[in-house]
PDB file of N, CA and C in Angstrom:
ATOM      1  N   UNK A   1      10.559 -18.373 -18.701  1.00  0.00           N
ATOM      2  CA  UNK A   1      10.263 -18.427 -17.289  1.00  0.00           C
ATOM      3  C   UNK A   1       9.815 -17.039 -16.820  1.00  0.00           C
ATOM      4  N   UNK A   2       8.829 -17.025 -15.944  1.00  0.00           N
ATOM      5  CA  UNK A   2       8.364 -15.786 -15.347  1.00  0.00           C
ATOM      6  C   UNK A   2       8.654 -15.797 -13.851  1.00  0.00           C
ATOM      7  N   UNK A   3       8.937 -14.594 -13.311  1.00  0.00           N
ATOM      8  CA  UNK A   3       9.157 -14.466 -11.877  1.00  0.00           C
ATOM      9  C   UNK A   3       8.390 -13.255 -11.367  1.00  0.00           C
ATOM     10  N   UNK A   4       8.134 -13.249 -10.072  1.00  0.00           N
ATOM     11  CA  UNK A   4       7.479 -12.094  -9.451  1.00  0.00           C
ATOM     12  C   UNK A   4       8.545 -11.168  -8.891  1.00  0.00           C
ATOM     13  N   UNK A   5       8.377  -9.872  -9.176  1.00  0.00           N
ATOM     14  CA  UNK A   5       9.313  -8.862  -8.695  1.00  0.00           C
ATOM     15  C   UNK A   5       8.533  -7.717  -8.064  1.00  0.00           C
ATOM     16  N   UNK A   6       9.227  -6.939  -7.246  1.00  0.00           N
ATOM     17  CA  UNK A   6       8.638  -5.741  -6.661  1.00  0.00           C
ATOM     18  C   UNK A   6       8.241  -4.787  -7.778  1.00  0.00           C
ATOM     19  N   UNK A   7       6.980  -4.351  -7.788  1.00  0.00           N
ATOM     20  CA  UNK A   7       6.504  -3.374  -8.767  1.00  0.00           C
ATOM     21  C   UNK A   7       6.396  -1.999  -8.142  1.00  0.00           C
ATOM     22  N   UNK A   8       5.769  -1.926  -6.956  1.00  0.00           N
ATOM     23  CA  UNK A   8       5.495  -0.649  -6.307  1.00  0.00           C
ATOM     24  C   UNK A   8       5.641  -0.797  -4.799  1.00  0.00           C
ATOM     25  N   UNK A   9       6.090   0.300  -4.165  1.00  0.00           N
ATOM     26  CA  UNK A   9       6.227   0.266  -2.709  1.00  0.00           C
ATOM     27  C   UNK A   9       5.973   1.659  -2.153  1.00  0.00           C
ATOM     28  N   UNK A  10       5.057   1.729  -1.207  1.00  0.00           N
ATOM     29  CA  UNK A  10       4.833   2.940  -0.423  1.00  0.00           C
ATOM     30  C   UNK A  10       5.452   2.638   0.933  1.00  0.00           C
ATOM     31  N   UNK A  11       6.611   3.240   1.177  1.00  0.00           N
ATOM     32  CA  UNK A  11       7.409   2.876   2.341  1.00  0.00           C
ATOM     33  C   UNK A  11       7.079   3.758   3.542  1.00  0.00           C
ATOM     34  N   UNK A  12       6.545   3.140   4.567  1.00  0.00           N
ATOM     35  CA  UNK A  12       6.283   3.781   5.868  1.00  0.00           C
ATOM     36  C   UNK A  12       5.272   4.920   5.787  1.00  0.00           C
ATOM     37  N   UNK A  13       4.013   4.540   5.819  1.00  0.00           N
ATOM     38  CA  UNK A  13       2.926   5.512   5.957  1.00  0.00           C
ATOM     39  C   UNK A  13       2.162   5.206   7.231  1.00  0.00           C
ATOM     40  N   UNK A  14       1.507   6.230   7.764  1.00  0.00           N
ATOM     41  CA  UNK A  14       0.770   6.104   9.019  1.00  0.00           C
ATOM     42  C   UNK A  14      -0.690   5.743   8.732  1.00  0.00           C
ATOM     43  N   UNK A  15      -1.187   4.747   9.431  1.00  0.00           N
ATOM     44  CA  UNK A  15      -2.596   4.369   9.318  1.00  0.00           C
ATOM     45  C   UNK A  15      -3.443   5.486   9.936  1.00  0.00           C
ATOM     46  N   UNK A  16      -4.402   5.975   9.145  1.00  0.00           N
ATOM     47  CA  UNK A  16      -5.269   7.058   9.629  1.00  0.00           C
ATOM     48  C   UNK A  16      -6.617   6.548  10.105  1.00  0.00           C
ATOM     49  N   UNK A  17      -6.942   5.287   9.770  1.00  0.00           N
ATOM     50  CA  UNK A  17      -8.218   4.749  10.207  1.00  0.00           C
ATOM     51  C   UNK A  17      -8.316   3.253   9.981  1.00  0.00           C
ATOM     52  N   UNK A  18      -9.267   2.644  10.667  1.00  0.00           N
ATOM     53  CA  UNK A  18      -9.564   1.219  10.531  1.00  0.00           C
ATOM     54  C   UNK A  18     -11.078   1.071  10.647  1.00  0.00           C
ATOM     55  N   UNK A  19     -11.715   0.611   9.574  1.00  0.00           N
ATOM     56  CA  UNK A  19     -13.171   0.539   9.508  1.00  0.00           C
ATOM     57  C   UNK A  19     -13.613  -0.907   9.338  1.00  0.00           C
ATOM     58  N   UNK A  20     -13.867  -1.573  10.447  1.00  0.00           N
ATOM     59  CA  UNK A  20     -14.238  -2.982  10.444  1.00  0.00           C
ATOM     60  C   UNK A  20     -15.525  -3.241   9.661  1.00  0.00           C
ATOM     61  N   UNK A  21     -16.431  -2.286   9.621  1.00  0.00           N
ATOM     62  CA  UNK A  21     -17.737  -2.501   8.995  1.00  0.00           C
ATOM     63  C   UNK A  21     -17.762  -2.243   7.493  1.00  0.00           C
ATOM     64  N   UNK A  22     -16.650  -1.873   6.912  1.00  0.00           N
ATOM     65  CA  UNK A  22     -16.573  -1.681   5.467  1.00  0.00           C
ATOM     66  C   UNK A  22     -16.380  -3.038   4.810  1.00  0.00           C
ATOM     67  N   UNK A  23     -16.688  -3.159   3.529  1.00  0.00           N
ATOM     68  CA  UNK A  23     -16.642  -4.450   2.843  1.00  0.00           C
ATOM     69  C   UNK A  23     -15.240  -5.049   2.814  1.00  0.00           C
ATOM     70  N   UNK A  24     -14.216  -4.253   2.614  1.00  0.00           N
ATOM     71  CA  UNK A  24     -12.849  -4.756   2.560  1.00  0.00           C
ATOM     72  C   UNK A  24     -11.947  -3.815   1.809  1.00  0.00           C
ATOM     73  N   UNK A  25     -10.652  -4.010   1.883  1.00  0.00           N
ATOM     74  CA  UNK A  25      -9.658  -3.267   1.117  1.00  0.00           C
ATOM     75  C   UNK A  25      -8.843  -2.309   1.963  1.00  0.00           C
ATOM     76  N   UNK A  26      -7.993  -1.530   1.284  1.00  0.00           N
ATOM     77  CA  UNK A  26      -7.244  -0.445   1.910  1.00  0.00           C
ATOM     78  C   UNK A  26      -7.496   0.817   1.089  1.00  0.00           C
ATOM     79  N   UNK A  27      -7.928   1.867   1.749  1.00  0.00           N
ATOM     80  CA  UNK A  27      -8.147   3.150   1.094  1.00  0.00           C
ATOM     81  C   UNK A  27      -6.845   3.937   1.182  1.00  0.00           C
ATOM     82  N   UNK A  28      -6.363   4.395   0.002  1.00  0.00           N
ATOM     83  CA  UNK A  28      -5.075   5.086  -0.085  1.00  0.00           C
ATOM     84  C   UNK A  28      -5.282   6.415  -0.812  1.00  0.00           C
ATOM     85  N   UNK A  29      -4.755   7.493  -0.227  1.00  0.00           N
ATOM     86  CA  UNK A  29      -4.768   8.812  -0.854  1.00  0.00           C
ATOM     87  C   UNK A  29      -4.381   8.667  -2.327  1.00  0.00           C
ATOM     88  N   UNK A  30      -5.179   9.263  -3.218  1.00  0.00           N
ATOM     89  CA  UNK A  30      -4.952   9.137  -4.658  1.00  0.00           C
ATOM     90  C   UNK A  30      -3.565   9.644  -5.074  1.00  0.00           C
ATOM     91  N   UNK A  31      -3.018  10.632  -4.395  1.00  0.00           N
ATOM     92  CA  UNK A  31      -1.653  11.096  -4.703  1.00  0.00           C
ATOM     93  C   UNK A  31      -0.635   9.984  -4.504  1.00  0.00           C
ATOM     94  N   UNK A  32      -0.797   9.217  -3.438  1.00  0.00           N
ATOM     95  CA  UNK A  32       0.129   8.119  -3.162  1.00  0.00           C
ATOM     96  C   UNK A  32      -0.028   6.998  -4.179  1.00  0.00           C
ATOM     97  N   UNK A  33      -1.270   6.730  -4.582  1.00  0.00           N
ATOM     98  CA  UNK A  33      -1.497   5.729  -5.625  1.00  0.00           C
ATOM     99  C   UNK A  33      -0.789   6.137  -6.908  1.00  0.00           C
ATOM    100  N   UNK A  34      -0.984   7.381  -7.329  1.00  0.00           N
ATOM    101  CA  UNK A  34      -0.366   7.863  -8.571  1.00  0.00           C
ATOM    102  C   UNK A  34       1.155   7.782  -8.500  1.00  0.00           C
ATOM    103  N   UNK A  35       1.725   8.262  -7.410  1.00  0.00           N
ATOM    104  CA  UNK A  35       3.182   8.317  -7.271  1.00  0.00           C
ATOM    105  C   UNK A  35       3.812   6.925  -7.248  1.00  0.00           C
ATOM    106  N   UNK A  36       3.083   5.953  -6.708  1.00  0.00           N
ATOM    107  CA  UNK A  36       3.611   4.589  -6.588  1.00  0.00           C
ATOM    108  C   UNK A  36       3.189   3.685  -7.742  1.00  0.00           C
ATOM    109  N   UNK A  37       2.372   4.208  -8.638  1.00  0.00           N
ATOM    110  CA  UNK A  37       1.886   3.444  -9.796  1.00  0.00           C
ATOM    111  C   UNK A  37       1.052   2.224  -9.376  1.00  0.00           C
ATOM    112  N   UNK A  38       0.290   2.378  -8.300  1.00  0.00           N
ATOM    113  CA  UNK A  38      -0.671   1.358  -7.878  1.00  0.00           C
ATOM    114  C   UNK A  38      -2.042   1.816  -8.358  1.00  0.00           C
ATOM    115  N   UNK A  39      -2.816   0.909  -8.945  1.00  0.00           N
ATOM    116  CA  UNK A  39      -4.140   1.270  -9.447  1.00  0.00           C
ATOM    117  C   UNK A  39      -5.237   0.722  -8.544  1.00  0.00           C
ATOM    118  N   UNK A  40      -6.391   1.352  -8.641  1.00  0.00           N
ATOM    119  CA  UNK A  40      -7.540   0.907  -7.856  1.00  0.00           C
ATOM    120  C   UNK A  40      -7.863  -0.537  -8.216  1.00  0.00           C
ATOM    121  N   UNK A  41      -8.066  -1.357  -7.199  1.00  0.00           N
ATOM    122  CA  UNK A  41      -8.371  -2.771  -7.397  1.00  0.00           C
ATOM    123  C   UNK A  41      -7.151  -3.676  -7.423  1.00  0.00           C
ATOM    124  N   UNK A  42      -5.956  -3.082  -7.454  1.00  0.00           N
ATOM    125  CA  UNK A  42      -4.732  -3.884  -7.504  1.00  0.00           C
ATOM    126  C   UNK A  42      -4.482  -4.580  -6.162  1.00  0.00           C
ATOM    127  N   UNK A  43      -4.045  -5.819  -6.236  1.00  0.00           N
ATOM    128  CA  UNK A  43      -3.687  -6.584  -5.043  1.00  0.00           C
ATOM    129  C   UNK A  43      -2.431  -5.977  -4.424  1.00  0.00           C
ATOM    130  N   UNK A  44      -2.472  -5.768  -3.111  1.00  0.00           N
ATOM    131  CA  UNK A  44      -1.319  -5.224  -2.389  1.00  0.00           C
ATOM    132  C   UNK A  44      -1.059  -6.063  -1.138  1.00  0.00           C
ATOM    133  N   UNK A  45       0.196  -6.109  -0.765  1.00  0.00           N
ATOM    134  CA  UNK A  45       0.609  -6.722   0.498  1.00  0.00           C
ATOM    135  C   UNK A  45       0.858  -5.600   1.490  1.00  0.00           C
ATOM    136  N   UNK A  46       0.451  -5.822   2.723  1.00  0.00           N
ATOM    137  CA  UNK A  46       0.623  -4.847   3.790  1.00  0.00           C
ATOM    138  C   UNK A  46       1.534  -5.457   4.841  1.00  0.00           C
ATOM    139  N   UNK A  47       2.530  -4.681   5.277  1.00  0.00           N
ATOM    140  CA  UNK A  47       3.427  -5.089   6.348  1.00  0.00           C
ATOM    141  C   UNK A  47       3.283  -4.054   7.456  1.00  0.00           C
ATOM    142  N   UNK A  48       2.872  -4.496   8.641  1.00  0.00           N
ATOM    143  CA  UNK A  48       2.687  -3.587   9.767  1.00  0.00           C
ATOM    144  C   UNK A  48       3.971  -3.563  10.593  1.00  0.00           C
ATOM    145  N   UNK A  49       4.627  -2.415  10.613  1.00  0.00           N
ATOM    146  CA  UNK A  49       5.888  -2.261  11.348  1.00  0.00           C
ATOM    147  C   UNK A  49       5.669  -2.437  12.854  1.00  0.00           C
ATOM    148  N   UNK A  50       4.517  -1.993  13.358  1.00  0.00           N
ATOM    149  CA  UNK A  50       4.273  -1.995  14.804  1.00  0.00           C
ATOM    150  C   UNK A  50       4.059  -3.379  15.391  1.00  0.00           C
ATOM    151  N   UNK A  51       3.390  -4.280  14.644  1.00  0.00           N
ATOM    152  CA  UNK A  51       3.074  -5.580  15.236  1.00  0.00           C
ATOM    153  C   UNK A  51       3.519  -6.787  14.406  1.00  0.00           C
ATOM    154  N   UNK A  52       4.154  -6.543  13.257  1.00  0.00           N
ATOM    155  CA  UNK A  52       4.667  -7.642  12.443  1.00  0.00           C
ATOM    156  C   UNK A  52       3.637  -8.320  11.556  1.00  0.00           C
ATOM    157  N   UNK A  53       2.385  -7.901  11.591  1.00  0.00           N
ATOM    158  CA  UNK A  53       1.352  -8.511  10.737  1.00  0.00           C
ATOM    159  C   UNK A  53       1.700  -8.317   9.267  1.00  0.00           C
ATOM    160  N   UNK A  54       1.423  -9.350   8.469  1.00  0.00           N
ATOM    161  CA  UNK A  54       1.574  -9.290   7.015  1.00  0.00           C
ATOM    162  C   UNK A  54       0.298  -9.869   6.433  1.00  0.00           C
ATOM    163  N   UNK A  55      -0.323  -9.138   5.492  1.00  0.00           N
ATOM    164  CA  UNK A  55      -1.565  -9.629   4.881  1.00  0.00           C
ATOM    165  C   UNK A  55      -1.757  -8.987   3.525  1.00  0.00           C
ATOM    166  N   UNK A  56      -2.729  -9.494   2.775  1.00  0.00           N
ATOM    167  CA  UNK A  56      -3.012  -8.990   1.436  1.00  0.00           C
ATOM    168  C   UNK A  56      -4.435  -8.463   1.364  1.00  0.00           C
ATOM    169  N   UNK A  57      -4.632  -7.472   0.513  1.00  0.00           N
ATOM    170  CA  UNK A  57      -5.950  -6.920   0.235  1.00  0.00           C
ATOM    171  C   UNK A  57      -5.872  -6.240  -1.126  1.00  0.00           C
ATOM    172  N   UNK A  58      -6.774  -5.324  -1.418  1.00  0.00           N
ATOM    173  CA  UNK A  58      -6.714  -4.596  -2.680  1.00  0.00           C
ATOM    174  C   UNK A  58      -6.887  -3.107  -2.402  1.00  0.00           C
ATOM    175  N   UNK A  59      -6.365  -2.304  -3.310  1.00  0.00           N
ATOM    176  CA  UNK A  59      -6.352  -0.852  -3.132  1.00  0.00           C
ATOM    177  C   UNK A  59      -7.626  -0.200  -3.668  1.00  0.00           C
ATOM    178  N   UNK A  60      -8.105   0.816  -2.927  1.00  0.00           N
ATOM    179  CA  UNK A  60      -9.150   1.694  -3.454  1.00  0.00           C
ATOM    180  C   UNK A  60      -8.705   3.139  -3.243  1.00  0.00           C
ATOM    181  N   UNK A  61      -9.193   4.012  -4.128  1.00  0.00           N
ATOM    182  CA  UNK A  61      -8.799   5.421  -4.096  1.00  0.00           C
ATOM    183  C   UNK A  61      -9.408   6.143  -2.911  1.00  0.00           C
ATOM    184  N   UNK A  62      -8.545   6.870  -2.225  1.00  0.00           N
ATOM    185  CA  UNK A  62      -8.990   7.791  -1.193  1.00  0.00           C
ATOM    186  C   UNK A  62      -8.952   9.202  -1.749  1.00  0.00           C
ATOM    187  N   UNK A  63      -9.458  10.123  -0.996  1.00  0.00           N
ATOM    188  CA  UNK A  63      -9.485  11.518  -1.417  1.00  0.00           C
ATOM    189  C   UNK A  63      -8.059  12.041  -1.632  1.00  0.00           C
ATOM    190  N   UNK A  64      -7.869  12.699  -2.776  1.00  0.00           N
ATOM    191  CA  UNK A  64      -6.557  13.262  -3.112  1.00  0.00           C
ATOM    192  C   UNK A  64      -6.148  14.306  -2.068  1.00  0.00           C
ATOM    193  N   UNK A  65      -4.887  14.295  -1.681  1.00  0.00           N
ATOM    194  CA  UNK A  65      -4.293  15.222  -0.703  1.00  0.00           C
ATOM    195  C   UNK A  65      -4.819  15.045   0.716  1.00  0.00           C
ATOM    196  N   UNK A  66      -5.500  13.950   0.984  1.00  0.00           N
ATOM    197  CA  UNK A  66      -6.067  13.731   2.319  1.00  0.00           C
ATOM    198  C   UNK A  66      -5.083  13.045   3.266  1.00  0.00           C
ATOM    199  N   UNK A  67      -4.101  12.340   2.714  1.00  0.00           N
ATOM    200  CA  UNK A  67      -3.191  11.542   3.534  1.00  0.00           C
ATOM    201  C   UNK A  67      -3.830  10.256   4.044  1.00  0.00           C
ATOM    202  N   UNK A  68      -5.016   9.943   3.548  1.00  0.00           N
ATOM    203  CA  UNK A  68      -5.758   8.792   4.074  1.00  0.00           C
ATOM    204  C   UNK A  68      -5.077   7.462   3.786  1.00  0.00           C
ATOM    205  N   UNK A  69      -4.975   6.655   4.836  1.00  0.00           N
ATOM    206  CA  UNK A  69      -4.574   5.252   4.762  1.00  0.00           C
ATOM    207  C   UNK A  69      -5.508   4.528   5.735  1.00  0.00           C
ATOM    208  N   UNK A  70      -6.577   3.956   5.215  1.00  0.00           N
ATOM    209  CA  UNK A  70      -7.575   3.296   6.057  1.00  0.00           C
ATOM    210  C   UNK A  70      -7.693   1.828   5.677  1.00  0.00           C
ATOM    211  N   UNK A  71      -7.543   0.953   6.675  1.00  0.00           N
ATOM    212  CA  UNK A  71      -7.765  -0.472   6.460  1.00  0.00           C
ATOM    213  C   UNK A  71      -9.226  -0.771   6.718  1.00  0.00           C
ATOM    214  N   UNK A  72      -9.836  -1.500   5.788  1.00  0.00           N
ATOM    215  CA  UNK A  72     -11.276  -1.750   5.827  1.00  0.00           C
ATOM    216  C   UNK A  72     -11.578  -3.239   5.978  1.00  0.00           C
ATOM    217  N   UNK A  73     -12.735  -3.533   6.535  1.00  0.00           N
ATOM    218  CA  UNK A  73     -13.170  -4.911   6.696  1.00  0.00           C
ATOM    219  C   UNK A  73     -12.277  -5.674   7.652  1.00  0.00           C
ATOM    220  N   UNK A  74     -12.102  -6.984   7.436  1.00  0.00           N
ATOM    221  CA  UNK A  74     -11.318  -7.800   8.364  1.00  0.00           C
ATOM    222  C   UNK A  74      -9.891  -7.290   8.581  1.00  0.00           C
ATOM    223  N   UNK A  75      -9.314  -6.639   7.575  1.00  0.00           N
ATOM    224  CA  UNK A  75      -7.952  -6.116   7.717  1.00  0.00           C
ATOM    225  C   UNK A  75      -7.858  -5.068   8.825  1.00  0.00           C
ATOM    226  N   UNK A  76      -8.983  -4.458   9.164  1.00  0.00           N
ATOM    227  CA  UNK A  76      -8.998  -3.452  10.234  1.00  0.00           C
ATOM    228  C   UNK A  76      -8.575  -4.055  11.573  1.00  0.00           C
ATOM    229  N   UNK A  77      -8.704  -5.362  11.718  1.00  0.00           N
ATOM    230  CA  UNK A  77      -8.295  -6.021  12.962  1.00  0.00           C
ATOM    231  C   UNK A  77      -6.776  -6.202  13.060  1.00  0.00           C
ATOM    232  N   UNK A  78      -6.076  -5.983  11.949  1.00  0.00           N
ATOM    233  CA  UNK A  78      -4.635  -6.217  11.908  1.00  0.00           C
ATOM    234  C   UNK A  78      -3.815  -4.949  12.141  1.00  0.00           C
ATOM    235  N   UNK A  79      -4.500  -3.812  12.295  1.00  0.00           N
ATOM    236  CA  UNK A  79      -3.814  -2.529  12.493  1.00  0.00           C
ATOM    237  C   UNK A  79      -4.529  -1.714  13.561  1.00  0.00           C
ATOM    238  N   UNK A  80      -3.840  -0.691  14.018  1.00  0.00           N
ATOM    239  CA  UNK A  80      -4.458   0.331  14.851  1.00  0.00           C
ATOM    240  C   UNK A  80      -4.123   1.673  14.235  1.00  0.00           C
ATOM    241  N   UNK A  81      -4.989   2.653  14.459  1.00  0.00           N
ATOM    242  CA  UNK A  81      -4.718   4.005  14.002  1.00  0.00           C
ATOM    243  C   UNK A  81      -3.330   4.412  14.503  1.00  0.00           C
ATOM    244  N   UNK A  82      -2.563   5.055  13.652  1.00  0.00           N
ATOM    245  CA  UNK A  82      -1.203   5.535  13.897  1.00  0.00           C
ATOM    246  C   UNK A  82      -0.123   4.467  13.746  1.00  0.00           C
ATOM    247  N   UNK A  83      -0.493   3.200  13.464  1.00  0.00           N
ATOM    248  CA  UNK A  83       0.530   2.212  13.127  1.00  0.00           C
ATOM    249  C   UNK A  83       1.239   2.663  11.852  1.00  0.00           C
ATOM    250  N   UNK A  84       2.490   2.255  11.693  1.00  0.00           N
ATOM    251  CA  UNK A  84       3.254   2.527  10.478  1.00  0.00           C
ATOM    252  C   UNK A  84       3.267   1.247   9.648  1.00  0.00           C
ATOM    253  N   UNK A  85       2.891   1.386   8.368  1.00  0.00           N
ATOM    254  CA  UNK A  85       2.837   0.222   7.483  1.00  0.00           C
ATOM    255  C   UNK A  85       3.628   0.477   6.201  1.00  0.00           C
ATOM    256  N   UNK A  86       3.932  -0.600   5.510  1.00  0.00           N
ATOM    257  CA  UNK A  86       4.522  -0.559   4.177  1.00  0.00           C
ATOM    258  C   UNK A  86       3.515  -1.238   3.251  1.00  0.00           C
ATOM    259  N   UNK A  87       3.267  -0.623   2.089  1.00  0.00           N
ATOM    260  CA  UNK A  87       2.324  -1.151   1.100  1.00  0.00           C
ATOM    261  C   UNK A  87       3.133  -1.564  -0.125  1.00  0.00           C
ATOM    262  N   UNK A  88       2.964  -2.816  -0.551  1.00  0.00           N
ATOM    263  CA  UNK A  88       3.794  -3.383  -1.616  1.00  0.00           C
ATOM    264  C   UNK A  88       2.908  -4.045  -2.670  1.00  0.00           C
ATOM    265  N   UNK A  89       3.273  -3.874  -3.950  1.00  0.00           N
ATOM    266  CA  UNK A  89       2.643  -4.676  -4.996  1.00  0.00           C
ATOM    267  C   UNK A  89       3.737  -5.316  -5.847  1.00  0.00           C
ATOM    268  N   UNK A  90       3.397  -6.406  -6.482  1.00  0.00           N
ATOM    269  CA  UNK A  90       4.345  -7.186  -7.266  1.00  0.00           C
ATOM    270  C   UNK A  90       3.837  -7.328  -8.691  1.00  0.00           C
ATOM    271  N   UNK A  91       4.753  -7.604  -9.614  1.00  0.00           N
ATOM    272  CA  UNK A  91       4.399  -7.863 -11.012  1.00  0.00           C
ATOM    273  C   UNK A  91       5.057  -9.168 -11.435  1.00  0.00           C
ATOM    274  N   UNK A  92       4.434  -9.850 -12.370  1.00  0.00           N
ATOM    275  CA  UNK A  92       4.999 -11.062 -12.943  1.00  0.00           C
ATOM    276  C   UNK A  92       5.607 -10.695 -14.290  1.00  0.00           C
ATOM    277  N   UNK A  93       6.906 -10.901 -14.414  1.00  0.00           N
ATOM    278  CA  UNK A  93       7.635 -10.517 -15.619  1.00  0.00           C
ATOM    279  C   UNK A  93       8.442 -11.694 -16.157  1.00  0.00           C
ATOM    280  N   UNK A  94       8.754 -11.614 -17.434  1.00  0.00           N
ATOM    281  CA  UNK A  94       9.700 -12.569 -17.993  1.00  0.00           C
ATOM    282  C   UNK A  94      11.048 -12.353 -17.317  1.00  0.00           C
ATOM    283  N   UNK A  95      11.797 -13.406 -17.139  1.00  0.00           N
ATOM    284  CA  UNK A  95      13.052 -13.355 -16.398  1.00  0.00           C
ATOM    285  C   UNK A  95      14.000 -12.279 -16.928  1.00  0.00           C
ATOM    286  N   UNK A  96      14.197 -12.201 -18.216  1.00  0.00           N
ATOM    287  CA  UNK A  96      15.122 -11.221 -18.788  1.00  0.00           C
ATOM    288  C   UNK A  96      14.612  -9.794 -18.585  1.00  0.00           C
ATOM    289  N   UNK A  97      13.312  -9.578 -18.736  1.00  0.00           N
ATOM    290  CA  UNK A  97      12.733  -8.253 -18.506  1.00  0.00           C
ATOM    291  C   UNK A  97      12.897  -7.843 -17.042  1.00  0.00           C
ATOM    292  N   UNK A  98      12.749  -8.796 -16.148  1.00  0.00           N
ATOM    293  CA  UNK A  98      12.850  -8.516 -14.712  1.00  0.00           C
ATOM    294  C   UNK A  98      14.241  -8.020 -14.322  1.00  0.00           C
ATOM    295  N   UNK A  99      15.252  -8.419 -15.060  1.00  0.00           N
ATOM    296  CA  UNK A  99      16.620  -8.005 -14.738  1.00  0.00           C
ATOM    297  C   UNK A  99      16.818  -6.495 -14.846  1.00  0.00           C
ATOM    298  N   UNK A 100      16.049  -5.841 -15.713  1.00  0.00           N
ATOM    299  CA  UNK A 100      16.228  -4.397 -15.922  1.00  0.00           C
ATOM    300  C   UNK A 100      15.045  -3.570 -15.433  1.00  0.00           C
ATOM    301  N   UNK A 101      14.024  -4.237 -14.906  1.00  0.00           N
ATOM    302  CA  UNK A 101      12.836  -3.528 -14.446  1.00  0.00           C
ATOM    303  C   UNK A 101      13.155  -2.668 -13.226  1.00  0.00           C
ATOM    304  N   UNK A 102      12.631  -1.447 -13.207  1.00  0.00           N
ATOM    305  CA  UNK A 102      12.826  -0.531 -12.076  1.00  0.00           C
ATOM    306  C   UNK A 102      11.476  -0.276 -11.403  1.00  0.00           C
ATOM    307  N   UNK A 103      11.324  -0.635 -10.142  1.00  0.00           N
ATOM    308  CA  UNK A 103      10.051  -0.441  -9.438  1.00  0.00           C
ATOM    309  C   UNK A 103       9.825   1.024  -9.057  1.00  0.00           C
ATOM    310  N   UNK A 104       8.578   1.363  -8.761  1.00  0.00           N
ATOM    311  CA  UNK A 104       8.199   2.671  -8.232  1.00  0.00           C
ATOM    312  C   UNK A 104       8.238   2.553  -6.714  1.00  0.00           C
ATOM    313  N   UNK A 105       9.146   3.262  -6.079  1.00  0.00           N
ATOM    314  CA  UNK A 105       9.279   3.238  -4.624  1.00  0.00           C
ATOM    315  C   UNK A 105       9.194   4.670  -4.131  1.00  0.00           C
ATOM    316  N   UNK A 106       8.249   4.916  -3.214  1.00  0.00           N
ATOM    317  CA  UNK A 106       8.096   6.265  -2.683  1.00  0.00           C
ATOM    318  C   UNK A 106       8.260   6.245  -1.163  1.00  0.00           C
ATOM    319  N   UNK A 107       8.691   7.382  -0.638  1.00  0.00           N
ATOM    320  CA  UNK A 107       8.964   7.527   0.792  1.00  0.00           C
ATOM    321  C   UNK A 107       8.201   8.750   1.314  1.00  0.00           C
ATOM    322  N   UNK A 108       6.895   8.599   1.554  1.00  0.00           N
ATOM    323  CA  UNK A 108       6.120   9.738   2.058  1.00  0.00           C
ATOM    324  C   UNK A 108       6.573  10.157   3.459  1.00  0.00           C
ATOM    325  N   UNK A 109       6.179  11.355   3.839  1.00  0.00           N
ATOM    326  CA  UNK A 109       6.394  11.834   5.203  1.00  0.00           C
ATOM    327  C   UNK A 109       5.462  11.018   6.101  1.00  0.00           C
ATOM    328  N   UNK A 110       6.005  10.219   6.989  1.00  0.00           N
ATOM    329  CA  UNK A 110       5.149   9.317   7.769  1.00  0.00           C
ATOM    330  C   UNK A 110       4.346  10.031   8.864  1.00  0.00           C
ATOM    331  N   UNK A 111       4.585  11.311   9.067  1.00  0.00           N
ATOM    332  CA  UNK A 111       3.762  12.064  10.025  1.00  0.00           C
ATOM    333  C   UNK A 111       2.395  12.412   9.447  1.00  0.00           C
ATOM    334  N   UNK A 112       2.358  12.786   8.145  1.00  0.00           N
ATOM    335  CA  UNK A 112       1.081  13.182   7.543  1.00  0.00           C
ATOM    336  C   UNK A 112       0.809  12.484   6.202  1.00  0.00           C
ATOM    337  N   UNK A 113       1.687  11.544   5.809  1.00  0.00           N
ATOM    338  CA  UNK A 113       1.544  10.763   4.570  1.00  0.00           C
ATOM    339  C   UNK A 113       1.631  11.614   3.315  1.00  0.00           C
ATOM    340  N   UNK A 114       2.197  12.808   3.416  1.00  0.00           N
ATOM    341  CA  UNK A 114       2.348  13.660   2.226  1.00  0.00           C
ATOM    342  C   UNK A 114       3.612  13.273   1.477  1.00  0.00           C
ATOM    343  N   UNK A 115       3.683  13.701   0.231  1.00  0.00           N
ATOM    344  CA  UNK A 115       4.853  13.440  -0.593  1.00  0.00           C
ATOM    345  C   UNK A 115       5.909  14.527  -0.469  1.00  0.00           C
ATOM    346  N   UNK A 116       5.703  15.464   0.398  1.00  0.00           N
ATOM    347  CA  UNK A 116       6.583  16.599   0.685  1.00  0.00           C
ATOM    348  C   UNK A 116       7.394  17.032  -0.501  1.00  0.00           C
TER     349      UNK A 116
END
């Protein structure tokens, strides 16, 4: 049996932009991607603390050390600049493996999205 478990979590980062005219996705500072073990193109769930919106998209690399968190395309309608969001990805694991799996969870500084 396989189950889905938390793989990666970027807990409480500030949205720095929303670009409705972009094709789609969420742009994330490359430092945050590395620290959370999320790769470019990976499916992520977004939870908006400010308005309760929950939606899915995929990650793309932003400039390293920029603090960028930009929602692109239709997802831009679900956030506003300066909203606080949580970014989550999941993995499908065998049940026994899932019992001992440890996710990557990071807690950036939500004022500037740095890893301080």
